């Protein structure tokens, strides 16, 4: 399925990416900020959607009487 279509990176591509990151002089603080931003962008909406679905199902089955 989707795992078959997923392209694996080669060692040359990984090395090229590492060189590009070094050329851009990305500091540890910037990498940390990028990682935290990615988690916030992905996790926060997911948690809110799951919370909304849980509350809706509780309301639907009469947990809030």
C-alpha atoms as a PDB file:
ATOM      1  CA  UNK A   1       0.000   0.000   0.000  1.00  0.00           C
ATOM      2  CA  UNK A   2       1.425   3.363   0.992  1.00  0.00           C
ATOM      3  CA  UNK A   3       4.578   1.810   2.477  1.00  0.00           C
ATOM      4  CA  UNK A   4       5.501   0.375  -0.921  1.00  0.00           C
ATOM      5  CA  UNK A   5       5.248   3.800  -2.559  1.00  0.00           C
ATOM      6  CA  UNK A   6       7.344   5.483   0.088  1.00  0.00           C
ATOM      7  CA  UNK A   7      10.732   6.366  -1.336  1.00  0.00           C
ATOM      8  CA  UNK A   8      13.758   5.451   0.734  1.00  0.00           C
ATOM      9  CA  UNK A   9      16.589   7.952   0.858  1.00  0.00           C
ATOM     10  CA  UNK A  10      20.038   6.842  -0.184  1.00  0.00           C
ATOM     11  CA  UNK A  11      23.285   7.509   1.633  1.00  0.00           C
ATOM     12  CA  UNK A  12      24.218  10.090  -1.008  1.00  0.00           C
ATOM     13  CA  UNK A  13      20.959  11.970  -0.465  1.00  0.00           C
ATOM     14  CA  UNK A  14      21.455  11.911   3.300  1.00  0.00           C
ATOM     15  CA  UNK A  15      24.987  13.224   2.905  1.00  0.00           C
ATOM     16  CA  UNK A  16      23.806  15.969   0.525  1.00  0.00           C
ATOM     17  CA  UNK A  17      21.116  17.016   3.001  1.00  0.00           C
ATOM     18  CA  UNK A  18      23.650  17.147   5.845  1.00  0.00           C
ATOM     19  CA  UNK A  19      25.955  19.298   3.715  1.00  0.00           C
ATOM     20  CA  UNK A  20      23.100  21.657   2.841  1.00  0.00           C
ATOM     21  CA  UNK A  21      22.237  22.046   6.530  1.00  0.00           C
ATOM     22  CA  UNK A  22      25.862  22.860   7.337  1.00  0.00           C
ATOM     23  CA  UNK A  23      26.049  25.406   4.505  1.00  0.00           C
ATOM     24  CA  UNK A  24      22.993  27.201   5.842  1.00  0.00           C
ATOM     25  CA  UNK A  25      24.550  27.369   9.323  1.00  0.00           C
ATOM     26  CA  UNK A  26      21.416  26.166  11.108  1.00  0.00           C
ATOM     27  CA  UNK A  27      22.037  26.482  14.821  1.00  0.00           C
ATOM     28  CA  UNK A  28      20.858  24.096  17.497  1.00  0.00           C
ATOM     29  CA  UNK A  29      18.287  26.636  18.674  1.00  0.00           C
ATOM     30  CA  UNK A  30      16.815  26.934  15.175  1.00  0.00           C
ATOM     31  CA  UNK A  31      16.641  23.148  14.783  1.00  0.00           C
ATOM     32  CA  UNK A  32      14.938  22.862  18.160  1.00  0.00           C
ATOM     33  CA  UNK A  33      12.471  25.568  17.207  1.00  0.00           C
ATOM     34  CA  UNK A  34      11.693  23.841  13.891  1.00  0.00           C
ATOM     35  CA  UNK A  35      11.108  20.537  15.669  1.00  0.00           C
ATOM     36  CA  UNK A  36       8.853  22.058  18.326  1.00  0.00           C
ATOM     37  CA  UNK A  37       6.894  23.957  15.692  1.00  0.00           C
ATOM     38  CA  UNK A  38       6.344  20.762  13.726  1.00  0.00           C
ATOM     39  CA  UNK A  39       5.033  19.003  16.830  1.00  0.00           C
ATOM     40  CA  UNK A  40       2.683  21.879  17.643  1.00  0.00           C
ATOM     41  CA  UNK A  41       1.385  22.060  14.080  1.00  0.00           C
ATOM     42  CA  UNK A  42       0.764  18.314  13.926  1.00  0.00           C
ATOM     43  CA  UNK A  43      -0.158  17.352  17.479  1.00  0.00           C
ATOM     44  CA  UNK A  44      -2.331  20.245  18.610  1.00  0.00           C
ATOM     45  CA  UNK A  45      -4.997  19.889  15.884  1.00  0.00           C
ATOM     46  CA  UNK A  46      -4.945  16.100  16.273  1.00  0.00           C
ATOM     47  CA  UNK A  47      -5.509  16.311  20.014  1.00  0.00           C
ATOM     48  CA  UNK A  48      -8.281  18.873  19.592  1.00  0.00           C
ATOM     49  CA  UNK A  49     -10.065  16.729  16.989  1.00  0.00           C
ATOM     50  CA  UNK A  50      -9.824  13.613  19.172  1.00  0.00           C
ATOM     51  CA  UNK A  51     -11.105  15.560  22.172  1.00  0.00           C
ATOM     52  CA  UNK A  52     -14.031  16.893  20.153  1.00  0.00           C
ATOM     53  CA  UNK A  53     -14.901  13.393  18.914  1.00  0.00           C
ATOM     54  CA  UNK A  54     -14.724  12.016  22.445  1.00  0.00           C
ATOM     55  CA  UNK A  55     -16.983  14.754  23.817  1.00  0.00           C
ATOM     56  CA  UNK A  56     -19.426  14.304  20.941  1.00  0.00           C
ATOM     57  CA  UNK A  57     -19.634  10.554  21.519  1.00  0.00           C
ATOM     58  CA  UNK A  58     -20.122  11.095  25.254  1.00  0.00           C
ATOM     59  CA  UNK A  59     -22.921  13.550  24.506  1.00  0.00           C
ATOM     60  CA  UNK A  60     -24.432  11.180  21.944  1.00  0.00           C
ATOM     61  CA  UNK A  61     -24.540   8.240  24.370  1.00  0.00           C
ATOM     62  CA  UNK A  62     -25.869  10.320  27.256  1.00  0.00           C
ATOM     63  CA  UNK A  63     -22.841  10.623  29.501  1.00  0.00           C
ATOM     64  CA  UNK A  64     -23.801  14.249  30.251  1.00  0.00           C
ATOM     65  CA  UNK A  65     -27.159  13.817  31.946  1.00  0.00           C
END
